[in-house]
Amino acid sequence: CRALPPPQIMPSKVDATAKADAKPLRCVSLDDLIKPLPSEKPEPLTWRNPRLSDWQLKVPGKTYDVHAAILGEGLRRSDFFYAQFKNWQESGRVTDLSTLLPPPCLSKVESLLDYFYHG
């Protein structure tokens, strides 16, 4: 472990009391930075639980919070979603499926998401 030197301060701006109260540098180990994981097994990622989601799919009247890694890179990945995620714009991480899918398909989005996540 190596301590970094303090930032350089112009001598004219150094306050004598602040210099006297300065604490010595302390070396930080990885054990200080990394906390052990909880012993209980976390729930698997799913579109039904928005934990750690990073994308939204919109259909009329509903928004689904999804995980780009699963839809674009997972075991049952989609080339369509991969292209969406790869080419996303800063304006938002949202895909509006209501303009892309025929109306009869919109009612099957949840089944499609179940397939991507669970097979």
Protein backbone atom coordinates (compact mmCIF):
# COMPACT_ATOMS: atom_id res chain seq x y z
CA CYS A 1 0.00 0.00 0.00
CA ARG A 2 1.33 3.42 -0.90
CA ALA A 3 0.06 6.69 0.51
CA LEU A 4 -0.32 9.56 -1.92
CA PRO A 5 1.29 12.90 -1.09
CA PRO A 6 -1.05 15.72 -0.05
CA PRO A 7 -2.11 18.15 -2.80
CA GLN A 8 0.22 21.11 -3.31
CA ILE A 9 -1.07 24.33 -1.73
CA MET A 10 0.33 27.75 -2.47
CA PRO A 11 2.32 28.90 0.59
CA SER A 12 0.44 32.17 0.77
CA LYS A 13 -2.84 30.30 1.29
CA VAL A 14 -1.69 27.96 4.06
CA ASP A 15 -3.30 28.67 7.42
CA ALA A 16 -0.95 27.93 10.32
CA THR A 17 -3.73 26.43 12.49
CA ALA A 18 -4.95 24.18 9.69
CA LYS A 19 -1.39 22.96 9.17
CA ALA A 20 -1.06 22.16 12.87
CA ASP A 21 -4.39 20.25 12.91
CA ALA A 22 -3.58 18.21 9.80
CA LYS A 23 -3.90 14.47 10.32
CA PRO A 24 -1.27 12.10 8.98
CA LEU A 25 -2.13 10.08 5.87
CA ARG A 26 -3.51 6.64 6.55
CA CYS A 27 -2.89 3.74 4.22
CA VAL A 28 -6.16 2.14 3.06
CA SER A 29 -6.25 -1.56 2.32
CA LEU A 30 -8.63 -3.36 -0.02
CA ASP A 31 -10.28 -4.93 3.03
CA ASP A 32 -11.31 -1.42 4.11
CA LEU A 33 -12.91 -0.75 0.73
CA ILE A 34 -14.57 -4.08 -0.01
CA LYS A 35 -17.27 -5.31 2.32
CA PRO A 36 -18.19 -9.01 2.43
CA LEU A 37 -21.31 -10.03 0.54
CA PRO A 38 -24.37 -10.94 2.60
CA SER A 39 -24.62 -14.65 3.32
CA GLU A 40 -28.12 -14.98 1.88
CA LYS A 41 -28.38 -15.63 -1.84
CA PRO A 42 -29.78 -12.60 -3.72
CA GLU A 43 -32.89 -12.92 -5.83
CA PRO A 44 -32.15 -13.53 -9.52
CA LEU A 45 -32.52 -10.55 -11.82
CA THR A 46 -35.92 -10.34 -13.46
CA TRP A 47 -38.04 -7.77 -15.25
CA ARG A 48 -40.61 -8.20 -12.45
CA ASN A 49 -38.15 -6.73 -9.93
CA PRO A 50 -36.50 -3.51 -11.15
CA ARG A 51 -33.41 -3.98 -8.97
CA LEU A 52 -30.37 -2.87 -11.00
CA SER A 53 -32.42 -2.38 -14.19
CA ASP A 54 -30.86 -0.07 -16.74
CA TRP A 55 -33.36 0.11 -19.61
CA GLN A 56 -37.09 0.57 -20.11
CA LEU A 57 -39.46 -0.99 -22.61
CA LYS A 58 -42.71 0.87 -23.17
CA VAL A 59 -46.03 -0.42 -24.46
CA PRO A 60 -49.36 1.40 -24.22
CA GLY A 61 -50.20 1.78 -20.54
CA LYS A 62 -47.15 -0.04 -19.15
CA THR A 63 -43.40 0.39 -18.74
CA TYR A 64 -41.08 -2.55 -18.07
CA ASP A 65 -37.75 -2.05 -16.31
CA VAL A 66 -35.29 -4.50 -17.85
CA HIS A 67 -31.59 -5.37 -17.83
CA ALA A 68 -29.70 -4.68 -21.06
CA ALA A 69 -27.12 -7.39 -20.28
CA ILE A 70 -29.82 -10.06 -20.22
CA LEU A 71 -31.81 -8.95 -23.28
CA GLY A 72 -28.79 -8.01 -25.38
CA GLU A 73 -26.07 -10.40 -24.19
CA GLY A 74 -27.79 -13.15 -22.17
CA LEU A 75 -28.29 -16.81 -23.07
CA ARG A 76 -31.44 -16.01 -25.07
CA ARG A 77 -30.28 -12.62 -26.35
CA SER A 78 -31.99 -10.63 -29.04
CA ASP A 79 -30.14 -9.06 -31.98
CA PHE A 80 -32.81 -6.35 -32.02
CA PHE A 81 -32.25 -5.40 -28.38
CA TYR A 82 -28.49 -5.72 -28.74
CA ALA A 83 -28.61 -3.10 -31.53
CA GLN A 84 -30.87 -0.88 -29.40
CA PHE A 85 -28.50 -1.01 -26.44
CA LYS A 86 -25.36 -0.60 -28.53
CA ASN A 87 -26.67 2.47 -30.34
CA TRP A 88 -28.51 4.20 -27.50
CA GLN A 89 -28.51 7.96 -27.35
CA GLU A 90 -27.98 10.17 -24.32
CA SER A 91 -31.64 11.20 -24.53
CA GLY A 92 -32.71 8.09 -22.67
CA ARG A 93 -32.50 4.36 -22.25
CA VAL A 94 -36.00 3.60 -23.49
CA THR A 95 -37.42 1.55 -26.35
CA ASP A 96 -41.05 2.27 -27.25
CA LEU A 97 -42.36 -1.06 -28.52
CA SER A 98 -45.82 0.36 -29.28
CA THR A 99 -44.45 1.88 -32.49
CA LEU A 100 -42.39 -1.20 -33.43
CA LEU A 101 -44.69 -4.18 -32.82
CA PRO A 102 -48.07 -4.96 -34.37
CA PRO A 103 -50.91 -4.45 -31.84
CA PRO A 104 -51.61 -8.20 -31.35
CA CYS A 105 -47.99 -8.72 -30.25
CA LEU A 106 -48.07 -6.06 -27.54
CA SER A 107 -50.06 -8.31 -25.22
CA LYS A 108 -47.25 -10.93 -25.42
CA VAL A 109 -44.41 -8.72 -24.20
CA GLU A 110 -44.45 -10.22 -20.69
CA SER A 111 -44.20 -13.74 -22.11
CA LEU A 112 -41.31 -12.60 -24.28
CA LEU A 113 -39.54 -11.10 -21.26
CA ASP A 114 -40.08 -14.31 -19.28
CA TYR A 115 -38.37 -16.20 -22.12
CA PHE A 116 -35.37 -13.86 -22.15
CA TYR A 117 -34.92 -14.11 -18.38
CA HIS A 118 -35.91 -17.69 -17.60
CA GLY A 119 -36.24 -19.68 -20.82
